[in-house]
Amino acid sequence: MQQIRPVVFAVAMAVSAIGLSGCATKDFVREQVAAEDTKVQANQDKTQIALDQQQTALNQNQATLNQHQTHLTQLDQTTQDALNRATAAGKLAEGKFLYSVVLSDDSVKFPADSSKLSPEAQQRLQDFADKLKADNRNVYLEIQGHTDGRGNEKANQRLGEQRAEAVRLFMNQHGVPLNRMATISYGKADPVADNKSRTGRAQNRRVVLIVMS
């Protein structure tokens, strides 16, 4: 009986050791799995950050391409407009003078330092455009912008061009092709009246339309 007890104790110890070993193995496995999960999550986070950065770069590149495309479109329109002006200028140089129409402050009220077309100016230009269409003639227009004598030369040169351009755009909106019109600014260089008087300055603020065949 006494010999059996040591054997039973040994068996119990062995079973206990196996149980402890099993627990240690499970803990080890869990630690390893947890460590791998952490690595996988870290890699996923890095991958997502890289993807986000790539998407941001792609968006920036697309925005840049869109800006370039817009710029090219504007350049194309500017180039075409310049070509139309050159064509019209060439035709005018070869053309024959028919008559002129004067839009001056006393009749169409060009305000000082302004290129805005008044209702009176728009009505006169509308009537003029209707006349051209009724005549059904392939005429060319030179649109001259003029200012009074106040202000510096550079500012008046620009204002004269703005007045001529305002008339050109209005005429185009009412059926006159752009390639049949050219603009030129004389600024304050070609007055028709004395700039010392209010009446004279009003007459000098004008747009002249030269009609040529």
N, C-alpha and C. Protein backbone atom coordinates (compact mmCIF):
# COMPACT_ATOMS: atom_id res chain seq x y z
N MET A 1 0.83 -1.20 0.00
CA MET A 1 0.00 0.00 0.00
C MET A 1 0.86 1.24 0.00
N GLN A 2 1.94 1.25 0.78
CA GLN A 2 2.83 2.38 0.86
C GLN A 2 3.56 2.59 -0.46
N GLN A 3 3.79 1.53 -1.25
CA GLN A 3 4.49 1.67 -2.52
C GLN A 3 3.60 2.30 -3.59
N ILE A 4 2.29 2.15 -3.40
CA ILE A 4 1.36 2.70 -4.41
C ILE A 4 1.32 4.22 -4.33
N ARG A 5 1.42 4.78 -3.12
CA ARG A 5 1.30 6.24 -2.94
C ARG A 5 2.34 7.03 -3.73
N PRO A 6 3.61 6.65 -3.70
CA PRO A 6 4.58 7.41 -4.51
C PRO A 6 4.25 7.38 -5.98
N VAL A 7 3.73 6.26 -6.43
CA VAL A 7 3.38 6.18 -7.87
C VAL A 7 2.23 7.13 -8.19
N VAL A 8 1.22 7.11 -7.29
CA VAL A 8 0.08 8.02 -7.51
C VAL A 8 0.53 9.46 -7.49
N PHE A 9 1.44 9.81 -6.58
CA PHE A 9 1.94 11.19 -6.47
C PHE A 9 2.69 11.59 -7.73
N ALA A 10 3.48 10.66 -8.23
CA ALA A 10 4.26 10.94 -9.45
C ALA A 10 3.34 11.19 -10.63
N VAL A 11 2.29 10.34 -10.70
CA VAL A 11 1.32 10.52 -11.80
C VAL A 11 0.64 11.87 -11.69
N ALA A 12 0.28 12.25 -10.48
CA ALA A 12 -0.39 13.54 -10.26
C ALA A 12 0.51 14.69 -10.66
N MET A 13 1.78 14.59 -10.31
CA MET A 13 2.73 15.64 -10.66
C MET A 13 2.88 15.76 -12.17
N ALA A 14 2.91 14.60 -12.81
CA ALA A 14 3.05 14.61 -14.28
C ALA A 14 1.86 15.27 -14.93
N VAL A 15 0.66 14.92 -14.46
CA VAL A 15 -0.56 15.53 -15.01
C VAL A 15 -0.56 17.03 -14.79
N SER A 16 -0.14 17.42 -13.58
CA SER A 16 -0.08 18.85 -13.25
C SER A 16 0.89 19.57 -14.17
N ALA A 17 2.02 18.96 -14.40
CA ALA A 17 3.03 19.58 -15.27
C ALA A 17 2.50 19.75 -16.69
N ILE A 18 1.78 18.69 -17.12
CA ILE A 18 1.21 18.78 -18.48
C ILE A 18 0.19 19.91 -18.55
N GLY A 19 -0.62 20.05 -17.49
CA GLY A 19 -1.62 21.13 -17.47
C GLY A 19 -0.97 22.49 -17.50
N LEU A 20 0.07 22.64 -16.68
CA LEU A 20 0.78 23.93 -16.65
C LEU A 20 1.42 24.23 -18.00
N SER A 21 1.98 23.16 -18.61
CA SER A 21 2.60 23.35 -19.92
C SER A 21 1.57 23.77 -20.95
N GLY A 22 0.37 23.19 -20.87
CA GLY A 22 -0.69 23.56 -21.82
C GLY A 22 -1.10 25.00 -21.64
N CYS A 23 -1.21 25.45 -20.41
CA CYS A 23 -1.58 26.87 -20.15
C CYS A 23 -0.51 27.81 -20.68
N ALA A 24 0.76 27.43 -20.43
CA ALA A 24 1.86 28.27 -20.92
C ALA A 24 1.84 28.35 -22.44
N THR A 25 1.56 27.24 -23.10
CA THR A 25 1.51 27.22 -24.56
C THR A 25 0.39 28.12 -25.09
N LYS A 26 -0.78 28.07 -24.45
CA LYS A 26 -1.90 28.90 -24.88
C LYS A 26 -1.56 30.39 -24.72
N ASP A 27 -0.94 30.72 -23.57
CA ASP A 27 -0.54 32.12 -23.35
C ASP A 27 0.45 32.57 -24.40
N PHE A 28 1.39 31.72 -24.71
CA PHE A 28 2.41 32.03 -25.72
C PHE A 28 1.76 32.27 -27.10
N VAL A 29 0.82 31.37 -27.42
CA VAL A 29 0.13 31.50 -28.71
C VAL A 29 -0.65 32.81 -28.78
N ARG A 30 -1.35 33.09 -27.67
CA ARG A 30 -2.13 34.35 -27.65
C ARG A 30 -1.22 35.56 -27.81
N GLU A 31 -0.09 35.53 -27.14
CA GLU A 31 0.86 36.65 -27.27
C GLU A 31 1.37 36.79 -28.70
N GLN A 32 1.66 35.67 -29.32
CA GLN A 32 2.16 35.70 -30.68
C GLN A 32 1.09 36.21 -31.65
N VAL A 33 -0.14 35.73 -31.44
CA VAL A 33 -1.25 36.19 -32.30
C VAL A 33 -1.48 37.68 -32.13
N ALA A 34 -1.44 38.13 -30.85
CA ALA A 34 -1.63 39.55 -30.58
C ALA A 34 -0.54 40.39 -31.24
N ALA A 35 0.70 39.90 -31.16
CA ALA A 35 1.82 40.61 -31.77
C ALA A 35 1.65 40.68 -33.29
N GLU A 36 1.23 39.58 -33.90
CA GLU A 36 1.01 39.57 -35.35
C GLU A 36 -0.13 40.50 -35.75
N ASP A 37 -1.20 40.49 -34.93
CA ASP A 37 -2.33 41.38 -35.21
C ASP A 37 -1.86 42.84 -35.19
N THR A 38 -1.02 43.15 -34.21
CA THR A 38 -0.50 44.53 -34.11
C THR A 38 0.31 44.89 -35.34
N LYS A 39 1.16 43.95 -35.79
CA LYS A 39 1.96 44.20 -36.98
C LYS A 39 1.08 44.39 -38.21
N VAL A 40 0.08 43.51 -38.33
CA VAL A 40 -0.83 43.60 -39.49
C VAL A 40 -1.57 44.93 -39.49
N GLN A 41 -2.06 45.36 -38.32
CA GLN A 41 -2.80 46.63 -38.23
C GLN A 41 -1.89 47.81 -38.57
N ALA A 42 -0.64 47.72 -38.06
CA ALA A 42 0.32 48.78 -38.36
C ALA A 42 0.59 48.87 -39.86
N ASN A 43 0.75 47.71 -40.50
CA ASN A 43 0.99 47.68 -41.95
C ASN A 43 -0.22 48.21 -42.72
N GLN A 44 -1.42 47.85 -42.24
CA GLN A 44 -2.63 48.35 -42.90
C GLN A 44 -2.72 49.88 -42.77
N ASP A 45 -2.37 50.37 -41.56
CA ASP A 45 -2.41 51.82 -41.36
C ASP A 45 -1.42 52.52 -42.27
N LYS A 46 -0.20 51.96 -42.39
CA LYS A 46 0.79 52.55 -43.28
C LYS A 46 0.33 52.52 -44.73
N THR A 47 -0.28 51.40 -45.12
CA THR A 47 -0.78 51.28 -46.49
C THR A 47 -1.87 52.31 -46.77
N GLN A 48 -2.78 52.49 -45.81
CA GLN A 48 -3.87 53.46 -45.99
C GLN A 48 -3.33 54.88 -46.09
N ILE A 49 -2.33 55.18 -45.24
CA ILE A 49 -1.71 56.52 -45.29
C ILE A 49 -1.06 56.75 -46.66
N ALA A 50 -0.38 55.73 -47.15
CA ALA A 50 0.26 55.85 -48.46
C ALA A 50 -0.77 56.04 -49.56
N LEU A 51 -1.89 55.31 -49.48
CA LEU A 51 -2.96 55.45 -50.47
C LEU A 51 -3.58 56.85 -50.41
N ASP A 52 -3.78 57.34 -49.19
CA ASP A 52 -4.34 58.68 -49.03
C ASP A 52 -3.41 59.74 -49.62
N GLN A 53 -2.11 59.58 -49.40
CA GLN A 53 -1.14 60.52 -49.95
C GLN A 53 -1.13 60.47 -51.47
N GLN A 54 -1.23 59.26 -52.01
CA GLN A 54 -1.27 59.13 -53.47
C GLN A 54 -2.53 59.77 -54.05
N GLN A 55 -3.66 59.59 -53.36
CA GLN A 55 -4.91 60.19 -53.84
C GLN A 55 -4.84 61.71 -53.79
N THR A 56 -4.23 62.22 -52.70
CA THR A 56 -4.07 63.67 -52.59
C THR A 56 -3.20 64.21 -53.73
N ALA A 57 -2.11 63.50 -54.01
CA ALA A 57 -1.24 63.91 -55.11
C ALA A 57 -1.96 63.87 -56.45
N LEU A 58 -2.77 62.82 -56.65
CA LEU A 58 -3.54 62.71 -57.90
C LEU A 58 -4.54 63.86 -58.02
N ASN A 59 -5.20 64.20 -56.91
CA ASN A 59 -6.16 65.30 -56.93
C ASN A 59 -5.47 66.62 -57.27
N GLN A 60 -4.28 66.83 -56.68
CA GLN A 60 -3.53 68.05 -56.96
C GLN A 60 -3.09 68.11 -58.41
N ASN A 61 -2.66 66.97 -58.95
CA ASN A 61 -2.26 66.92 -60.35
C ASN A 61 -3.44 67.20 -61.28
N GLN A 62 -4.60 66.66 -60.92
CA GLN A 62 -5.79 66.89 -61.74
C GLN A 62 -6.20 68.35 -61.71
N ALA A 63 -6.10 68.95 -60.52
CA ALA A 63 -6.43 70.38 -60.40
C ALA A 63 -5.48 71.22 -61.26
N THR A 64 -4.20 70.85 -61.24
CA THR A 64 -3.22 71.57 -62.05
C THR A 64 -3.51 71.41 -63.54
N LEU A 65 -3.87 70.19 -63.94
CA LEU A 65 -4.22 69.94 -65.35
C LEU A 65 -5.44 70.74 -65.76
N ASN A 66 -6.43 70.83 -64.86
CA ASN A 66 -7.63 71.60 -65.16
C ASN A 66 -7.29 73.08 -65.35
N GLN A 67 -6.40 73.58 -64.50
CA GLN A 67 -5.99 74.98 -64.62
C GLN A 67 -5.27 75.22 -65.94
N HIS A 68 -4.39 74.29 -66.31
CA HIS A 68 -3.68 74.42 -67.58
C HIS A 68 -4.65 74.38 -68.76
N GLN A 69 -5.65 73.49 -68.68
CA GLN A 69 -6.62 73.39 -69.76
C GLN A 69 -7.42 74.67 -69.90
N THR A 70 -7.82 75.23 -68.76
CA THR A 70 -8.56 76.50 -68.78
C THR A 70 -7.70 77.60 -69.39
N HIS A 71 -6.43 77.63 -69.00
CA HIS A 71 -5.51 78.64 -69.53
C HIS A 71 -5.34 78.49 -71.03
N LEU A 72 -5.20 77.23 -71.49
CA LEU A 72 -5.05 77.00 -72.93
C LEU A 72 -6.30 77.41 -73.69
N THR A 73 -7.47 77.15 -73.10
CA THR A 73 -8.73 77.56 -73.75
C THR A 73 -8.79 79.07 -73.88
N GLN A 74 -8.38 79.76 -72.82
CA GLN A 74 -8.36 81.23 -72.86
C GLN A 74 -7.37 81.72 -73.90
N LEU A 75 -6.22 81.06 -73.97
CA LEU A 75 -5.23 81.46 -74.97
C LEU A 75 -5.76 81.24 -76.38
N ASP A 76 -6.46 80.11 -76.58
CA ASP A 76 -7.03 79.85 -77.90
C ASP A 76 -8.02 80.94 -78.29
N GLN A 77 -8.87 81.35 -77.33
CA GLN A 77 -9.86 82.38 -77.62
C GLN A 77 -9.17 83.71 -77.90
N THR A 78 -8.14 84.02 -77.11
CA THR A 78 -7.39 85.26 -77.31
C THR A 78 -6.71 85.26 -78.67
N THR A 79 -6.13 84.12 -79.03
CA THR A 79 -5.46 84.01 -80.33
C THR A 79 -6.45 84.18 -81.47
N GLN A 80 -7.61 83.55 -81.34
CA GLN A 80 -8.62 83.67 -82.39
C GLN A 80 -9.11 85.10 -82.50
N ASP A 81 -9.29 85.76 -81.36
CA ASP A 81 -9.74 87.14 -81.36
C ASP A 81 -8.70 88.04 -82.02
N ALA A 82 -7.43 87.78 -81.71
CA ALA A 82 -6.36 88.58 -82.32
C ALA A 82 -6.32 88.36 -83.83
N LEU A 83 -6.54 87.12 -84.26
CA LEU A 83 -6.56 86.82 -85.69
C LEU A 83 -7.72 87.54 -86.37
N ASN A 84 -8.88 87.54 -85.72
CA ASN A 84 -10.03 88.24 -86.29
C ASN A 84 -9.74 89.74 -86.44
N ARG A 85 -9.08 90.29 -85.42
CA ARG A 85 -8.76 91.73 -85.48
C ARG A 85 -7.77 92.01 -86.61
N ALA A 86 -6.78 91.14 -86.74
CA ALA A 86 -5.79 91.35 -87.79
C ALA A 86 -6.43 91.25 -89.17
N THR A 87 -7.33 90.27 -89.31
CA THR A 87 -8.03 90.11 -90.59
C THR A 87 -8.85 91.35 -90.92
N ALA A 88 -9.58 91.82 -89.91
CA ALA A 88 -10.40 93.01 -90.12
C ALA A 88 -9.54 94.22 -90.45
N ALA A 89 -8.42 94.36 -89.75
CA ALA A 89 -7.53 95.49 -90.01
C ALA A 89 -6.99 95.45 -91.44
N GLY A 90 -6.66 94.24 -91.90
CA GLY A 90 -6.18 94.11 -93.27
C GLY A 90 -7.24 94.47 -94.29
N LYS A 91 -8.48 94.04 -94.03
CA LYS A 91 -9.58 94.39 -94.93
C LYS A 91 -9.84 95.89 -94.94
N LEU A 92 -9.74 96.49 -93.75
CA LEU A 92 -9.96 97.93 -93.67
C LEU A 92 -8.91 98.70 -94.46
N ALA A 93 -7.67 98.21 -94.38
CA ALA A 93 -6.60 98.89 -95.10
C ALA A 93 -6.82 98.85 -96.61
N GLU A 94 -7.50 97.80 -97.07
CA GLU A 94 -7.77 97.66 -98.50
C GLU A 94 -9.11 98.27 -98.90
N GLY A 95 -9.93 98.62 -97.91
CA GLY A 95 -11.31 99.01 -98.20
C GLY A 95 -11.48 100.45 -98.67
N LYS A 96 -12.71 100.71 -99.07
CA LYS A 96 -13.08 102.04 -99.56
C LYS A 96 -14.04 102.69 -98.57
N PHE A 97 -13.73 103.92 -98.18
CA PHE A 97 -14.57 104.62 -97.20
C PHE A 97 -15.97 104.86 -97.77
N LEU A 98 -16.98 104.55 -96.95
CA LEU A 98 -18.36 104.80 -97.34
C LEU A 98 -18.95 105.95 -96.54
N TYR A 99 -18.98 105.83 -95.22
CA TYR A 99 -19.49 106.89 -94.35
C TYR A 99 -19.07 106.59 -92.92
N SER A 100 -19.35 107.53 -92.03
CA SER A 100 -18.99 107.34 -90.63
C SER A 100 -20.19 107.67 -89.74
N VAL A 101 -20.19 107.07 -88.56
CA VAL A 101 -21.21 107.33 -87.55
C VAL A 101 -20.49 107.73 -86.27
N VAL A 102 -20.90 108.85 -85.68
CA VAL A 102 -20.23 109.38 -84.50
C VAL A 102 -21.14 109.23 -83.28
N LEU A 103 -20.61 108.61 -82.25
CA LEU A 103 -21.31 108.51 -80.97
C LEU A 103 -20.56 109.40 -79.99
N SER A 104 -21.10 110.58 -79.73
CA SER A 104 -20.42 111.51 -78.83
C SER A 104 -21.28 111.78 -77.60
N ASP A 105 -20.70 112.44 -76.64
CA ASP A 105 -21.37 112.61 -75.36
C ASP A 105 -22.67 113.39 -75.45
N ASP A 106 -22.74 114.30 -76.40
CA ASP A 106 -23.96 115.10 -76.49
C ASP A 106 -25.16 114.29 -76.96
N SER A 107 -24.89 113.11 -77.57
CA SER A 107 -26.00 112.31 -78.07
C SER A 107 -26.15 110.97 -77.36
N VAL A 108 -25.06 110.43 -76.84
CA VAL A 108 -25.14 109.11 -76.22
C VAL A 108 -24.61 109.10 -74.78
N LYS A 109 -24.13 110.23 -74.31
CA LYS A 109 -23.76 110.40 -72.89
C LYS A 109 -22.71 109.41 -72.42
N PHE A 110 -21.52 109.46 -73.03
CA PHE A 110 -20.38 108.74 -72.46
C PHE A 110 -19.94 109.48 -71.21
N PRO A 111 -20.08 108.90 -70.03
CA PRO A 111 -19.63 109.59 -68.82
C PRO A 111 -18.11 109.75 -68.83
N ALA A 112 -17.63 110.75 -68.10
CA ALA A 112 -16.18 110.93 -67.97
C ALA A 112 -15.59 109.70 -67.29
N ASP A 113 -14.43 109.24 -67.79
CA ASP A 113 -13.70 108.09 -67.24
C ASP A 113 -14.52 106.80 -67.26
N SER A 114 -15.42 106.66 -68.24
CA SER A 114 -16.26 105.46 -68.29
C SER A 114 -16.41 105.00 -69.74
N SER A 115 -16.52 103.68 -69.90
CA SER A 115 -16.78 103.11 -71.23
C SER A 115 -18.17 102.48 -71.30
N LYS A 116 -18.97 102.68 -70.27
CA LYS A 116 -20.30 102.07 -70.23
C LYS A 116 -21.21 102.71 -71.26
N LEU A 117 -21.91 101.86 -71.99
CA LEU A 117 -22.84 102.35 -73.01
C LEU A 117 -24.17 102.72 -72.35
N SER A 118 -24.59 103.94 -72.58
CA SER A 118 -25.87 104.39 -72.04
C SER A 118 -27.02 103.78 -72.84
N PRO A 119 -28.24 103.82 -72.33
CA PRO A 119 -29.38 103.35 -73.12
C PRO A 119 -29.50 104.06 -74.46
N GLU A 120 -29.17 105.36 -74.49
CA GLU A 120 -29.21 106.10 -75.76
C GLU A 120 -28.19 105.54 -76.75
N ALA A 121 -26.98 105.24 -76.24
CA ALA A 121 -25.95 104.69 -77.11
C ALA A 121 -26.35 103.32 -77.64
N GLN A 122 -26.90 102.49 -76.78
CA GLN A 122 -27.33 101.16 -77.20
C GLN A 122 -28.42 101.24 -78.26
N GLN A 123 -29.34 102.20 -78.10
CA GLN A 123 -30.41 102.33 -79.09
C GLN A 123 -29.86 102.77 -80.44
N ARG A 124 -28.93 103.71 -80.43
CA ARG A 124 -28.33 104.15 -81.70
C ARG A 124 -27.55 103.03 -82.35
N LEU A 125 -26.83 102.26 -81.56
CA LEU A 125 -26.08 101.14 -82.12
C LEU A 125 -27.01 100.04 -82.63
N GLN A 126 -28.11 99.82 -81.93
CA GLN A 126 -29.09 98.85 -82.40
C GLN A 126 -29.65 99.27 -83.75
N ASP A 127 -30.00 100.53 -83.87
CA ASP A 127 -30.51 101.04 -85.15
C ASP A 127 -29.46 100.90 -86.25
N PHE A 128 -28.21 101.18 -85.89
CA PHE A 128 -27.12 101.08 -86.87
C PHE A 128 -26.91 99.63 -87.32
N ALA A 129 -26.95 98.69 -86.37
CA ALA A 129 -26.80 97.28 -86.71
C ALA A 129 -27.95 96.82 -87.61
N ASP A 130 -29.17 97.27 -87.30
CA ASP A 130 -30.32 96.92 -88.14
C ASP A 130 -30.15 97.46 -89.56
N LYS A 131 -29.59 98.66 -89.66
CA LYS A 131 -29.37 99.25 -90.98
C LYS A 131 -28.37 98.43 -91.78
N LEU A 132 -27.30 98.01 -91.13
CA LEU A 132 -26.30 97.21 -91.83
C LEU A 132 -26.90 95.90 -92.33
N LYS A 133 -27.72 95.27 -91.50
CA LYS A 133 -28.35 94.01 -91.91
C LYS A 133 -29.36 94.24 -93.03
N ALA A 134 -30.06 95.37 -92.96
CA ALA A 134 -31.05 95.68 -94.01
C ALA A 134 -30.36 95.98 -95.34
N ASP A 135 -29.21 96.65 -95.27
CA ASP A 135 -28.46 96.95 -96.50
C ASP A 135 -27.87 95.68 -97.11
N ASN A 136 -27.67 94.66 -96.26
CA ASN A 136 -27.14 93.37 -96.70
C ASN A 136 -25.84 93.53 -97.49
N ARG A 137 -24.94 94.32 -96.92
CA ARG A 137 -23.66 94.56 -97.57
C ARG A 137 -22.55 94.04 -96.67
N ASN A 138 -21.52 93.50 -97.29
CA ASN A 138 -20.39 92.97 -96.53
C ASN A 138 -19.39 94.09 -96.23
N VAL A 139 -19.79 94.96 -95.33
CA VAL A 139 -18.95 96.10 -94.99
C VAL A 139 -18.01 95.73 -93.84
N TYR A 140 -17.03 96.60 -93.64
CA TYR A 140 -16.10 96.48 -92.53
C TYR A 140 -16.17 97.75 -91.69
N LEU A 141 -15.98 97.56 -90.39
CA LEU A 141 -16.07 98.70 -89.47
C LEU A 141 -14.75 98.91 -88.75
N GLU A 142 -14.28 100.15 -88.78
CA GLU A 142 -13.20 100.55 -87.90
C GLU A 142 -13.82 101.36 -86.78
N ILE A 143 -13.66 100.90 -85.55
CA ILE A 143 -14.29 101.55 -84.40
C ILE A 143 -13.21 102.30 -83.64
N GLN A 144 -13.31 103.62 -83.64
CA GLN A 144 -12.30 104.48 -83.05
C GLN A 144 -12.77 105.00 -81.69
N GLY A 145 -11.93 104.83 -80.67
CA GLY A 145 -12.25 105.35 -79.35
C GLY A 145 -11.48 106.62 -79.06
N HIS A 146 -12.20 107.63 -78.54
CA HIS A 146 -11.59 108.93 -78.23
C HIS A 146 -11.97 109.37 -76.81
N THR A 147 -11.13 110.22 -76.23
CA THR A 147 -11.40 110.76 -74.89
C THR A 147 -11.24 112.27 -74.92
N ASP A 148 -11.62 112.90 -73.80
CA ASP A 148 -11.32 114.32 -73.67
C ASP A 148 -9.87 114.48 -73.21
N GLY A 149 -9.45 115.74 -73.00
CA GLY A 149 -8.04 116.00 -72.75
C GLY A 149 -7.60 115.87 -71.31
N ARG A 150 -8.49 115.56 -70.40
CA ARG A 150 -8.10 115.44 -69.00
C ARG A 150 -7.42 114.10 -68.74
N GLY A 151 -6.51 114.07 -67.75
CA GLY A 151 -5.85 112.82 -67.40
C GLY A 151 -4.59 112.59 -68.22
N ASN A 152 -3.82 111.56 -67.84
CA ASN A 152 -2.56 111.29 -68.54
C ASN A 152 -2.81 110.49 -69.82
N GLU A 153 -1.80 110.48 -70.64
CA GLU A 153 -1.94 109.89 -71.98
C GLU A 153 -2.22 108.39 -71.92
N LYS A 154 -1.51 107.67 -71.03
CA LYS A 154 -1.66 106.23 -70.95
C LYS A 154 -3.08 105.84 -70.53
N ALA A 155 -3.61 106.53 -69.53
CA ALA A 155 -4.97 106.22 -69.06
C ALA A 155 -5.99 106.52 -70.14
N ASN A 156 -5.82 107.60 -70.88
CA ASN A 156 -6.77 107.95 -71.93
C ASN A 156 -6.67 106.98 -73.11
N GLN A 157 -5.46 106.50 -73.38
CA GLN A 157 -5.31 105.51 -74.44
C GLN A 157 -6.11 104.25 -74.10
N ARG A 158 -6.01 103.84 -72.85
CA ARG A 158 -6.73 102.65 -72.40
C ARG A 158 -8.24 102.89 -72.40
N LEU A 159 -8.67 104.05 -71.97
CA LEU A 159 -10.10 104.36 -71.93
C LEU A 159 -10.68 104.41 -73.34
N GLY A 160 -9.93 104.97 -74.28
CA GLY A 160 -10.40 105.01 -75.67
C GLY A 160 -10.59 103.61 -76.23
N GLU A 161 -9.67 102.70 -75.90
CA GLU A 161 -9.79 101.31 -76.35
C GLU A 161 -10.99 100.64 -75.70
N GLN A 162 -11.22 100.90 -74.43
CA GLN A 162 -12.36 100.30 -73.74
C GLN A 162 -13.69 100.77 -74.34
N ARG A 163 -13.77 102.02 -74.71
CA ARG A 163 -15.00 102.53 -75.34
C ARG A 163 -15.21 101.88 -76.71
N ALA A 164 -14.16 101.78 -77.49
CA ALA A 164 -14.27 101.15 -78.80
C ALA A 164 -14.64 99.67 -78.65
N GLU A 165 -14.04 99.01 -77.67
CA GLU A 165 -14.32 97.59 -77.47
C GLU A 165 -15.76 97.37 -77.01
N ALA A 166 -16.28 98.27 -76.18
CA ALA A 166 -17.67 98.14 -75.73
C ALA A 166 -18.62 98.21 -76.92
N VAL A 167 -18.33 99.09 -77.87
CA VAL A 167 -19.16 99.21 -79.07
C VAL A 167 -19.00 97.95 -79.94
N ARG A 168 -17.78 97.47 -80.08
CA ARG A 168 -17.53 96.28 -80.90
C ARG A 168 -18.30 95.08 -80.37
N LEU A 169 -18.27 94.87 -79.07
CA LEU A 169 -18.97 93.73 -78.49
C LEU A 169 -20.48 93.87 -78.64
N PHE A 170 -20.99 95.08 -78.47
CA PHE A 170 -22.43 95.29 -78.63
C PHE A 170 -22.85 94.99 -80.06
N MET A 171 -22.07 95.47 -81.03
CA MET A 171 -22.40 95.23 -82.44
C MET A 171 -22.35 93.74 -82.75
N ASN A 172 -21.39 93.04 -82.18
CA ASN A 172 -21.31 91.60 -82.40
C ASN A 172 -22.52 90.88 -81.83
N GLN A 173 -22.97 91.31 -80.66
CA GLN A 173 -24.16 90.72 -80.06
C GLN A 173 -25.41 90.95 -80.90
N HIS A 174 -25.34 91.92 -81.79
CA HIS A 174 -26.50 92.22 -82.63
C HIS A 174 -26.23 91.90 -84.10
N GLY A 175 -25.38 90.90 -84.32
CA GLY A 175 -25.31 90.30 -85.64
C GLY A 175 -24.15 90.69 -86.52
N VAL A 176 -23.25 91.56 -86.07
CA VAL A 176 -22.11 91.94 -86.92
C VAL A 176 -20.93 91.04 -86.56
N PRO A 177 -20.38 90.29 -87.53
CA PRO A 177 -19.27 89.36 -87.23
C PRO A 177 -18.05 90.09 -86.69
N LEU A 178 -17.37 89.46 -85.75
CA LEU A 178 -16.17 90.06 -85.16
C LEU A 178 -15.07 90.28 -86.19
N ASN A 179 -14.98 89.37 -87.18
CA ASN A 179 -13.91 89.51 -88.16
C ASN A 179 -14.18 90.62 -89.18
N ARG A 180 -15.27 91.34 -89.00
CA ARG A 180 -15.55 92.50 -89.85
C ARG A 180 -15.45 93.81 -89.06
N MET A 181 -14.84 93.72 -87.88
CA MET A 181 -14.68 94.92 -87.05
C MET A 181 -13.28 94.96 -86.47
N ALA A 182 -12.71 96.15 -86.43
CA ALA A 182 -11.42 96.36 -85.77
C ALA A 182 -11.53 97.60 -84.91
N THR A 183 -10.79 97.61 -83.82
CA THR A 183 -10.83 98.78 -82.92
C THR A 183 -9.47 99.46 -82.89
N ILE A 184 -9.51 100.74 -82.61
CA ILE A 184 -8.30 101.52 -82.44
C ILE A 184 -8.59 102.64 -81.45
N SER A 185 -7.63 102.96 -80.62
CA SER A 185 -7.80 104.04 -79.66
C SER A 185 -6.88 105.20 -80.02
N TYR A 186 -7.47 106.39 -80.05
CA TYR A 186 -6.69 107.61 -80.24
C TYR A 186 -6.50 108.37 -78.92
N GLY A 187 -7.14 107.86 -77.86
CA GLY A 187 -7.03 108.54 -76.58
C GLY A 187 -7.47 109.99 -76.69
N LYS A 188 -6.61 110.89 -76.21
CA LYS A 188 -6.93 112.32 -76.28
C LYS A 188 -6.20 113.02 -77.42
N ALA A 189 -5.61 112.22 -78.33
CA ALA A 189 -4.73 112.77 -79.37
C ALA A 189 -5.46 113.43 -80.53
N ASP A 190 -6.76 113.20 -80.68
CA ASP A 190 -7.46 113.71 -81.87
C ASP A 190 -8.76 114.41 -81.48
N PRO A 191 -8.65 115.51 -80.76
CA PRO A 191 -9.88 116.21 -80.33
C PRO A 191 -10.57 116.88 -81.51
N VAL A 192 -11.90 117.02 -81.39
CA VAL A 192 -12.67 117.74 -82.40
C VAL A 192 -13.19 119.06 -81.85
N ALA A 193 -12.93 119.32 -80.58
CA ALA A 193 -13.38 120.56 -79.94
C ALA A 193 -12.37 120.96 -78.86
N ASP A 194 -12.55 122.15 -78.35
CA ASP A 194 -11.65 122.68 -77.33
C ASP A 194 -11.86 121.97 -75.99
N ASN A 195 -10.80 121.41 -75.44
CA ASN A 195 -10.91 120.71 -74.16
C ASN A 195 -11.02 121.65 -72.97
N LYS A 196 -10.93 122.95 -73.19
CA LYS A 196 -11.02 123.91 -72.09
C LYS A 196 -12.46 124.13 -71.64
N SER A 197 -13.41 123.78 -72.50
CA SER A 197 -14.82 123.98 -72.15
C SER A 197 -15.49 122.64 -71.88
N ARG A 198 -16.53 122.68 -71.08
CA ARG A 198 -17.27 121.47 -70.76
C ARG A 198 -17.93 120.89 -72.01
N THR A 199 -18.47 121.77 -72.84
CA THR A 199 -19.11 121.32 -74.08
C THR A 199 -18.10 120.67 -75.02
N GLY A 200 -16.92 121.28 -75.12
CA GLY A 200 -15.89 120.73 -75.99
C GLY A 200 -15.42 119.36 -75.51
N ARG A 201 -15.23 119.23 -74.20
CA ARG A 201 -14.80 117.92 -73.67
C ARG A 201 -15.85 116.85 -73.93
N ALA A 202 -17.12 117.23 -73.83
CA ALA A 202 -18.21 116.27 -74.08
C ALA A 202 -18.16 115.79 -75.53
N GLN A 203 -17.85 116.68 -76.45
CA GLN A 203 -17.78 116.28 -77.86
C GLN A 203 -16.57 115.38 -78.13
N ASN A 204 -15.52 115.59 -77.37
CA ASN A 204 -14.31 114.77 -77.57
C ASN A 204 -14.46 113.36 -77.00
N ARG A 205 -15.34 113.17 -76.04
CA ARG A 205 -15.61 111.82 -75.52
C ARG A 205 -16.55 111.11 -76.49
N ARG A 206 -15.94 110.36 -77.40
CA ARG A 206 -16.75 109.83 -78.50
C ARG A 206 -16.20 108.52 -79.02
N VAL A 207 -17.04 107.82 -79.77
CA VAL A 207 -16.64 106.67 -80.57
C VAL A 207 -17.08 106.93 -82.00
N VAL A 208 -16.18 106.73 -82.92
CA VAL A 208 -16.47 106.94 -84.34
C VAL A 208 -16.42 105.59 -85.05
N LEU A 209 -17.48 105.28 -85.78
CA LEU A 209 -17.53 104.06 -86.58
C LEU A 209 -17.33 104.41 -88.05
N ILE A 210 -16.22 103.94 -88.60
CA ILE A 210 -15.91 104.17 -90.01
C ILE A 210 -16.40 102.94 -90.79
N VAL A 211 -17.29 103.18 -91.75
CA VAL A 211 -17.86 102.10 -92.55
C VAL A 211 -17.14 102.05 -93.89
N MET A 212 -16.60 100.85 -94.21
CA MET A 212 -15.85 100.70 -95.45
C MET A 212 -16.33 99.45 -96.20
N SER A 213 -16.22 99.53 -97.49
CA SER A 213 -16.65 98.40 -98.32
C SER A 213 -15.50 97.42 -98.53
